[in-house]
Amino acid sequence: MSDKQAVRLAYKARRAALRAEDCKAWQSLLTQQIISLPEYEQATSLMLYLAMEKEANLDGVITHALGAGKTVYVPVCMNESLIEPARLRNLEEVDKGVLGIRVPKKPWYMETPNHIDLLLVPGLVFDRCGGRMGMGAGYYDRFLASVDTSRYMGVCWSMQVTDALLPMDMYDCYMPKIITELGCIECNKNRKGGIFET
């Protein structure tokens, strides 16, 4: 088993073990953290995501953004290697997509990522240098490859942030910031030394 596989399995298990009531309490805290960010306040368009069970949930942020007149997009899987932003007009008009993830009902209105002011990126685990590990399909790494780092940041629960360095590949994207229910982490890009331990 590779280092990445071991880390991914460890954090999948940790997230699966979370209590639903804790996730619900953290969701309101996370919403407040995000909507108070200057980047959020200044954005007129955002790409958020529709969370899976026990994932850092942004439904409250989506509701706030739509109420504030912001344009909201969420990722939809177009094929096995590509996601694209589809406009979400409300949380009720959704269907179940790949892996049971909620997606907007068709027809989809798509946008290019470079025309979106702020993109919030989910992850299974992050390190404090901005290293990110997702579910393993590489969707976001490909999607963010041409997006300026000033336009995106990572989102997760605080228990998904590690002080150790994640095993990263050359094509993996790093986050300039990570937002949790406890606040904003400005990522230190100095990755000298450090070994991830599960």
C-alpha atoms as a PDB file:
ATOM      1  CA  MET A   1       0.000   0.000   0.000  1.00  0.00           C
ATOM      2  CA  SER A   2       1.375   3.450  -0.938  1.00  0.00           C
ATOM      3  CA  ASP A   3       1.735   6.323   1.526  1.00  0.00           C
ATOM      4  CA  LYS A   4      -1.144   8.113  -0.198  1.00  0.00           C
ATOM      5  CA  GLN A   5      -3.437   5.114   0.050  1.00  0.00           C
ATOM      6  CA  ALA A   6      -2.644   4.710   3.746  1.00  0.00           C
ATOM      7  CA  VAL A   7      -3.347   8.360   4.485  1.00  0.00           C
ATOM      8  CA  ARG A   8      -6.556   8.306   2.460  1.00  0.00           C
ATOM      9  CA  LEU A   9      -7.843   5.211   4.240  1.00  0.00           C
ATOM     10  CA  ALA A  10      -6.972   6.655   7.652  1.00  0.00           C
ATOM     11  CA  TYR A  11      -8.830   9.903   7.033  1.00  0.00           C
ATOM     12  CA  LYS A  12     -11.811   8.222   5.403  1.00  0.00           C
ATOM     13  CA  ALA A  13     -12.153   6.185   8.589  1.00  0.00           C
ATOM     14  CA  ARG A  14     -11.781   9.262  10.791  1.00  0.00           C
ATOM     15  CA  ARG A  15     -14.447  11.146   8.871  1.00  0.00           C
ATOM     16  CA  ALA A  16     -16.794   8.153   8.867  1.00  0.00           C
ATOM     17  CA  ALA A  17     -16.452   7.973  12.662  1.00  0.00           C
ATOM     18  CA  LEU A  18     -17.661  11.557  13.173  1.00  0.00           C
ATOM     19  CA  ARG A  19     -20.947  12.008  14.994  1.00  0.00           C
ATOM     20  CA  ALA A  20     -23.762  13.543  12.949  1.00  0.00           C
ATOM     21  CA  GLU A  21     -24.607  15.969  15.769  1.00  0.00           C
ATOM     22  CA  ASP A  22     -21.020  17.263  15.822  1.00  0.00           C
ATOM     23  CA  CYS A  23     -21.052  17.821  12.062  1.00  0.00           C
ATOM     24  CA  LYS A  24     -24.314  19.753  12.383  1.00  0.00           C
ATOM     25  CA  ALA A  25     -22.879  21.994  15.109  1.00  0.00           C
ATOM     26  CA  TRP A  26     -19.667  22.569  13.153  1.00  0.00           C
ATOM     27  CA  GLN A  27     -21.637  23.452  10.021  1.00  0.00           C
ATOM     28  CA  SER A  28     -23.027  26.655  11.531  1.00  0.00           C
ATOM     29  CA  LEU A  29     -19.552  27.638  12.765  1.00  0.00           C
ATOM     30  CA  LEU A  30     -18.046  26.948   9.330  1.00  0.00           C
ATOM     31  CA  THR A  31     -20.742  29.024   7.649  1.00  0.00           C
ATOM     32  CA  GLN A  32     -19.913  32.004   9.879  1.00  0.00           C
ATOM     33  CA  GLN A  33     -16.185  31.630   9.212  1.00  0.00           C
ATOM     34  CA  ILE A  34     -16.681  31.642   5.450  1.00  0.00           C
ATOM     35  CA  ILE A  35     -19.238  34.428   5.132  1.00  0.00           C
ATOM     36  CA  SER A  36     -16.999  36.707   7.213  1.00  0.00           C
ATOM     37  CA  LEU A  37     -14.027  36.268   4.851  1.00  0.00           C
ATOM     38  CA  PRO A  38     -13.145  39.367   2.780  1.00  0.00           C
ATOM     39  CA  GLU A  39     -12.780  37.115  -0.263  1.00  0.00           C
ATOM     40  CA  TYR A  40     -16.351  35.904   0.202  1.00  0.00           C
ATOM     41  CA  GLU A  41     -17.757  39.372   0.841  1.00  0.00           C
ATOM     42  CA  GLN A  42     -16.105  40.750  -2.302  1.00  0.00           C
ATOM     43  CA  ALA A  43     -17.059  37.835  -4.562  1.00  0.00           C
ATOM     44  CA  THR A  44     -20.065  38.133  -6.845  1.00  0.00           C
ATOM     45  CA  SER A  45     -19.688  34.547  -8.105  1.00  0.00           C
ATOM     46  CA  LEU A  46     -18.606  31.465  -6.184  1.00  0.00           C
ATOM     47  CA  MET A  47     -17.995  27.797  -6.822  1.00  0.00           C
ATOM     48  CA  LEU A  48     -18.949  25.829  -3.735  1.00  0.00           C
ATOM     49  CA  TYR A  49     -19.810  22.135  -3.459  1.00  0.00           C
ATOM     50  CA  LEU A  50     -22.717  20.016  -2.301  1.00  0.00           C
ATOM     51  CA  ALA A  51     -21.317  17.992   0.582  1.00  0.00           C
ATOM     52  CA  MET A  52     -21.414  14.258   1.061  1.00  0.00           C
ATOM     53  CA  GLU A  53     -22.444  12.830   4.428  1.00  0.00           C
ATOM     54  CA  LYS A  54     -20.126  14.080   7.227  1.00  0.00           C
ATOM     55  CA  GLU A  55     -18.113  16.206   4.791  1.00  0.00           C
ATOM     56  CA  ALA A  56     -17.616  19.879   5.728  1.00  0.00           C
ATOM     57  CA  ASN A  57     -21.050  21.133   4.724  1.00  0.00           C
ATOM     58  CA  LEU A  58     -21.530  24.405   2.809  1.00  0.00           C
ATOM     59  CA  ASP A  59     -25.333  24.409   2.516  1.00  0.00           C
ATOM     60  CA  GLY A  60     -25.536  27.364   4.911  1.00  0.00           C
ATOM     61  CA  VAL A  61     -22.996  29.287   2.833  1.00  0.00           C
ATOM     62  CA  ILE A  62     -24.923  28.494  -0.344  1.00  0.00           C
ATOM     63  CA  THR A  63     -28.171  29.744   1.210  1.00  0.00           C
ATOM     64  CA  HIS A  64     -26.448  32.935   2.397  1.00  0.00           C
ATOM     65  CA  ALA A  65     -24.777  33.525  -0.972  1.00  0.00           C
ATOM     66  CA  LEU A  66     -27.998  33.077  -2.944  1.00  0.00           C
ATOM     67  CA  GLY A  67     -29.820  35.368  -0.522  1.00  0.00           C
ATOM     68  CA  ALA A  68     -27.111  37.989  -1.008  1.00  0.00           C
ATOM     69  CA  GLY A  69     -27.551  37.885  -4.784  1.00  0.00           C
ATOM     70  CA  LYS A  70     -24.301  36.071  -5.517  1.00  0.00           C
ATOM     71  CA  THR A  71     -24.105  33.603  -8.392  1.00  0.00           C
ATOM     72  CA  VAL A  72     -23.383  30.074  -7.151  1.00  0.00           C
ATOM     73  CA  TYR A  73     -21.845  27.197  -9.079  1.00  0.00           C
ATOM     74  CA  VAL A  74     -21.184  23.626  -7.961  1.00  0.00           C
ATOM     75  CA  PRO A  75     -19.049  20.933  -9.620  1.00  0.00           C
ATOM     76  CA  VAL A  76     -20.625  18.251 -11.769  1.00  0.00           C
ATOM     77  CA  CYS A  77     -18.777  15.220 -13.147  1.00  0.00           C
ATOM     78  CA  MET A  78     -18.816  15.322 -16.936  1.00  0.00           C
ATOM     79  CA  ASN A  79     -16.836  12.092 -17.309  1.00  0.00           C
ATOM     80  CA  GLU A  80     -14.282  10.034 -15.355  1.00  0.00           C
ATOM     81  CA  SER A  81     -11.678  12.817 -15.409  1.00  0.00           C
ATOM     82  CA  LEU A  82     -13.513  16.126 -15.698  1.00  0.00           C
ATOM     83  CA  ILE A  83     -15.626  18.356 -13.471  1.00  0.00           C
ATOM     84  CA  GLU A  84     -17.201  21.611 -14.564  1.00  0.00           C
ATOM     85  CA  PRO A  85     -19.057  24.351 -12.654  1.00  0.00           C
ATOM     86  CA  ALA A  86     -22.836  24.253 -13.110  1.00  0.00           C
ATOM     87  CA  ARG A  87     -25.042  27.039 -11.824  1.00  0.00           C
ATOM     88  CA  LEU A  88     -27.136  26.279  -8.732  1.00  0.00           C
ATOM     89  CA  ARG A  89     -30.216  28.462  -8.281  1.00  0.00           C
ATOM     90  CA  ASN A  90     -31.499  26.844  -5.066  1.00  0.00           C
ATOM     91  CA  LEU A  91     -30.867  23.823  -2.875  1.00  0.00           C
ATOM     92  CA  GLU A  92     -34.231  22.235  -3.662  1.00  0.00           C
ATOM     93  CA  GLU A  93     -33.640  21.815  -7.413  1.00  0.00           C
ATOM     94  CA  VAL A  94     -31.091  19.000  -7.198  1.00  0.00           C
ATOM     95  CA  ASP A  95     -30.733  15.392  -8.314  1.00  0.00           C
ATOM     96  CA  LYS A  96     -28.387  12.608  -7.255  1.00  0.00           C
ATOM     97  CA  GLY A  97     -25.273  12.351  -9.407  1.00  0.00           C
ATOM     98  CA  VAL A  98     -22.113  10.229  -9.387  1.00  0.00           C
ATOM     99  CA  LEU A  99     -21.516   8.518  -5.999  1.00  0.00           C
ATOM    100  CA  GLY A 100     -24.843   9.881  -4.783  1.00  0.00           C
ATOM    101  CA  ILE A 101     -23.529  13.456  -4.715  1.00  0.00           C
ATOM    102  CA  ARG A 102     -26.176  16.132  -5.223  1.00  0.00           C
ATOM    103  CA  VAL A 103     -26.054  18.019  -8.531  1.00  0.00           C
ATOM    104  CA  PRO A 104     -28.284  20.736 -10.018  1.00  0.00           C
ATOM    105  CA  LYS A 105     -31.193  19.527 -12.099  1.00  0.00           C
ATOM    106  CA  LYS A 106     -30.677  19.759 -15.858  1.00  0.00           C
ATOM    107  CA  PRO A 107     -30.424  21.693 -18.057  1.00  0.00           C
ATOM    108  CA  TRP A 108     -27.067  22.915 -16.728  1.00  0.00           C
ATOM    109  CA  TYR A 109     -25.685  26.387 -17.275  1.00  0.00           C
ATOM    110  CA  MET A 110     -21.898  26.016 -17.198  1.00  0.00           C
ATOM    111  CA  GLU A 111     -19.154  28.547 -16.485  1.00  0.00           C
ATOM    112  CA  THR A 112     -15.374  28.488 -16.831  1.00  0.00           C
ATOM    113  CA  PRO A 113     -13.435  28.518 -13.522  1.00  0.00           C
ATOM    114  CA  ASN A 114     -11.467  31.647 -14.407  1.00  0.00           C
ATOM    115  CA  HIS A 115     -14.720  33.621 -14.584  1.00  0.00           C
ATOM    116  CA  ILE A 116     -15.594  32.701 -10.980  1.00  0.00           C
ATOM    117  CA  ASP A 117     -14.350  34.983  -8.196  1.00  0.00           C
ATOM    118  CA  LEU A 118     -13.894  32.419  -5.405  1.00  0.00           C
ATOM    119  CA  LEU A 119     -13.690  28.616  -5.479  1.00  0.00           C
ATOM    120  CA  LEU A 120     -13.982  26.607  -2.254  1.00  0.00           C
ATOM    121  CA  VAL A 121     -12.294  23.222  -2.590  1.00  0.00           C
ATOM    122  CA  PRO A 122     -13.151  20.170  -0.476  1.00  0.00           C
ATOM    123  CA  GLY A 123     -10.559  17.666   0.675  1.00  0.00           C
ATOM    124  CA  LEU A 124     -10.172  14.566   2.768  1.00  0.00           C
ATOM    125  CA  VAL A 125      -7.091  15.930   4.560  1.00  0.00           C
ATOM    126  CA  PHE A 126      -4.894  19.031   4.299  1.00  0.00           C
ATOM    127  CA  ASP A 127      -1.525  19.939   5.769  1.00  0.00           C
ATOM    128  CA  ARG A 128      -0.552  23.389   7.032  1.00  0.00           C
ATOM    129  CA  CYS A 129       1.651  23.994   3.998  1.00  0.00           C
ATOM    130  CA  GLY A 130      -1.412  23.785   1.769  1.00  0.00           C
ATOM    131  CA  GLY A 131      -0.997  20.170   0.736  1.00  0.00           C
ATOM    132  CA  ARG A 132      -4.330  18.584  -0.125  1.00  0.00           C
ATOM    133  CA  MET A 133      -5.516  15.033  -0.587  1.00  0.00           C
ATOM    134  CA  GLY A 134      -8.935  14.285  -2.037  1.00  0.00           C
ATOM    135  CA  MET A 135     -10.724  11.031  -2.699  1.00  0.00           C
ATOM    136  CA  GLY A 136      -8.153   9.921  -5.264  1.00  0.00           C
ATOM    137  CA  ALA A 137      -9.736  10.623  -8.666  1.00  0.00           C
ATOM    138  CA  GLY A 138      -7.744  13.833  -9.276  1.00  0.00           C
ATOM    139  CA  TYR A 139     -10.772  15.873 -10.386  1.00  0.00           C
ATOM    140  CA  TYR A 140      -9.811  19.055  -8.544  1.00  0.00           C
ATOM    141  CA  ASP A 141      -6.098  18.868  -9.382  1.00  0.00           C
ATOM    142  CA  ARG A 142      -6.949  18.845 -13.084  1.00  0.00           C
ATOM    143  CA  PHE A 143      -9.671  21.447 -12.654  1.00  0.00           C
ATOM    144  CA  LEU A 144      -7.470  23.919 -10.733  1.00  0.00           C
ATOM    145  CA  ALA A 145      -4.355  23.493 -12.876  1.00  0.00           C
ATOM    146  CA  SER A 146      -5.120  26.643 -14.892  1.00  0.00           C
ATOM    147  CA  VAL A 147      -6.723  28.672 -12.078  1.00  0.00           C
ATOM    148  CA  ASP A 148      -4.755  31.373 -10.239  1.00  0.00           C
ATOM    149  CA  THR A 149      -4.141  30.385  -6.606  1.00  0.00           C
ATOM    150  CA  SER A 150      -5.595  33.688  -5.402  1.00  0.00           C
ATOM    151  CA  ARG A 151      -9.042  32.472  -6.510  1.00  0.00           C
ATOM    152  CA  TYR A 152      -9.345  29.287  -4.433  1.00  0.00           C
ATOM    153  CA  MET A 153      -8.942  27.897  -0.925  1.00  0.00           C
ATOM    154  CA  GLY A 154      -9.503  24.592   0.833  1.00  0.00           C
ATOM    155  CA  VAL A 155     -12.399  23.741   3.154  1.00  0.00           C
ATOM    156  CA  CYS A 156     -12.610  20.970   5.746  1.00  0.00           C
ATOM    157  CA  TRP A 157     -13.295  20.235   9.397  1.00  0.00           C
ATOM    158  CA  SER A 158     -10.426  21.124  11.760  1.00  0.00           C
ATOM    159  CA  MET A 159      -9.844  17.420  12.501  1.00  0.00           C
ATOM    160  CA  GLN A 160      -8.891  16.998   8.838  1.00  0.00           C
ATOM    161  CA  VAL A 161      -5.850  19.284   9.110  1.00  0.00           C
ATOM    162  CA  THR A 162      -2.537  17.639   9.965  1.00  0.00           C
ATOM    163  CA  ASP A 163       0.694  19.209  11.208  1.00  0.00           C
ATOM    164  CA  ALA A 164       2.689  16.608   9.255  1.00  0.00           C
ATOM    165  CA  LEU A 165       3.365  16.872   5.538  1.00  0.00           C
ATOM    166  CA  LEU A 166       1.184  14.933   3.141  1.00  0.00           C
ATOM    167  CA  PRO A 167       2.767  12.882   0.362  1.00  0.00           C
ATOM    168  CA  MET A 168       2.287  15.090  -2.695  1.00  0.00           C
ATOM    169  CA  ASP A 169       2.903  14.517  -6.402  1.00  0.00           C
ATOM    170  CA  MET A 170       4.070  17.074  -8.944  1.00  0.00           C
ATOM    171  CA  TYR A 171       0.556  17.587 -10.341  1.00  0.00           C
ATOM    172  CA  ASP A 172      -1.149  18.004  -6.953  1.00  0.00           C
ATOM    173  CA  CYS A 173      -2.508  21.481  -6.203  1.00  0.00           C
ATOM    174  CA  TYR A 174      -1.634  23.359  -3.027  1.00  0.00           C
ATOM    175  CA  MET A 175      -4.080  25.588  -1.164  1.00  0.00           C
ATOM    176  CA  PRO A 176      -3.064  29.142  -0.196  1.00  0.00           C
ATOM    177  CA  LYS A 177      -5.599  29.035   2.653  1.00  0.00           C
ATOM    178  CA  ILE A 178      -7.687  26.433   4.447  1.00  0.00           C
ATOM    179  CA  ILE A 179     -10.988  27.311   6.135  1.00  0.00           C
ATOM    180  CA  THR A 180     -12.340  25.198   8.995  1.00  0.00           C
ATOM    181  CA  GLU A 181     -15.042  25.714  11.598  1.00  0.00           C
ATOM    182  CA  LEU A 182     -12.305  27.124  13.861  1.00  0.00           C
ATOM    183  CA  GLY A 183     -10.974  29.743  11.455  1.00  0.00           C
ATOM    184  CA  CYS A 184      -8.662  30.434   8.531  1.00  0.00           C
ATOM    185  CA  ILE A 185      -5.214  28.859   8.148  1.00  0.00           C
ATOM    186  CA  GLU A 186      -2.745  30.863   6.057  1.00  0.00           C
ATOM    187  CA  CYS A 187      -0.649  28.117   4.535  1.00  0.00           C
ATOM    188  CA  ASN A 188       3.100  28.032   4.977  1.00  0.00           C
ATOM    189  CA  LYS A 189       4.560  26.966   1.634  1.00  0.00           C
ATOM    190  CA  ASN A 190       7.882  25.883   3.140  1.00  0.00           C
ATOM    191  CA  ARG A 191       7.718  22.090   3.018  1.00  0.00           C
ATOM    192  CA  LYS A 192      11.208  21.188   4.257  1.00  0.00           C
ATOM    193  CA  GLY A 193      11.298  17.860   6.046  1.00  0.00           C
ATOM    194  CA  GLY A 194       8.394  16.167   7.773  1.00  0.00           C
ATOM    195  CA  ILE A 195       6.875  12.738   7.350  1.00  0.00           C
ATOM    196  CA  PHE A 196       3.187  11.980   7.522  1.00  0.00           C
ATOM    197  CA  GLU A 197       2.276   9.471  10.196  1.00  0.00           C
ATOM    198  CA  THR A 198      -1.109   7.787  10.539  1.00  0.00           C
END
